[in-house]
Amino acid sequence: MKVSVVIPAKNESKNLPELLSRIRLVARRCKEIDEIIVADNNSTDRTPYIARKFGCRVVCEKRPGKGSALRAGFSAAKNDYIVMLDADLSHIPEDIPKMIALLKDPKVGLVQASRSLGGSEEYSFVRAIGNISLTAFANFMLGARMTDALNGFKAMRKEMTAGLSCSAFDIEIEILTNCLRLGYKVTEVPSQEKARANGTSNLGALKDGWRFARQIMKDSVRMKL
């Protein structure tokens, strides 16, 4: 089992050194980690340079959006298993081994890190209510059983990345839908979300909340076809 780690990044030069150092340490004991890909999305800082300095493959994606960067990274990944996490140090890379371990079950297609089970330093009241509501909506519309459908920290079979089209955060719903359509199980692990270390988030609670809801409705129709 070989795993590609895909990290979408835009202007994350202040966060990448610590993140990549920690992933390298994890990879020393988790031999399944075979490559690290940084999918750079029009950075104007030293993000690509730092990624290469740490021995990562760099994929440059000019189309805007986290989903666009992820799709480029997924396409470049050479392995059949993928871990995706954000570059802002909000996700805990030390949780990767337990996610990979669950993915060894042939019935499991997607392992989701759950903030509802692990806690979050980033949750405002609006974000917490939004995540709970959208996760419940996804469970109802898509037939899933999850506590956190929207976290960008996932481990999956590469099959889950086929045919993705979203360019923004709603790609996370597409991945979930692919897993369910292909008949795989979705499982979760508790994982705490840390506060972003440096920089500002590109996530807009209202704008992207609507994107998630729209994608859930769209994919619920796709599930029935």
Foldseek 3Di string as FASTA:
>chain_A
DAEEEEEEDAQLVVQQVVVLVQLVVLCVVVVNHDAYEYQYEPHPDCVVVVCVVSVHHYHYFDDDAPQRSVLRRLVPDPDQKYWYAYRQPQFDSNCVVVQVVVQVPVQAFKEAADCVQAPEPPDDPLNVVLQQVLVVLLCVLQVADDRGQQHRTMMGGSQLSPPQDDRYSLSSSSSVLSCVLVRGHYHYDYTYGYDGDDDDDPDDSVVVSVVNVVVSVVSSVVSVD
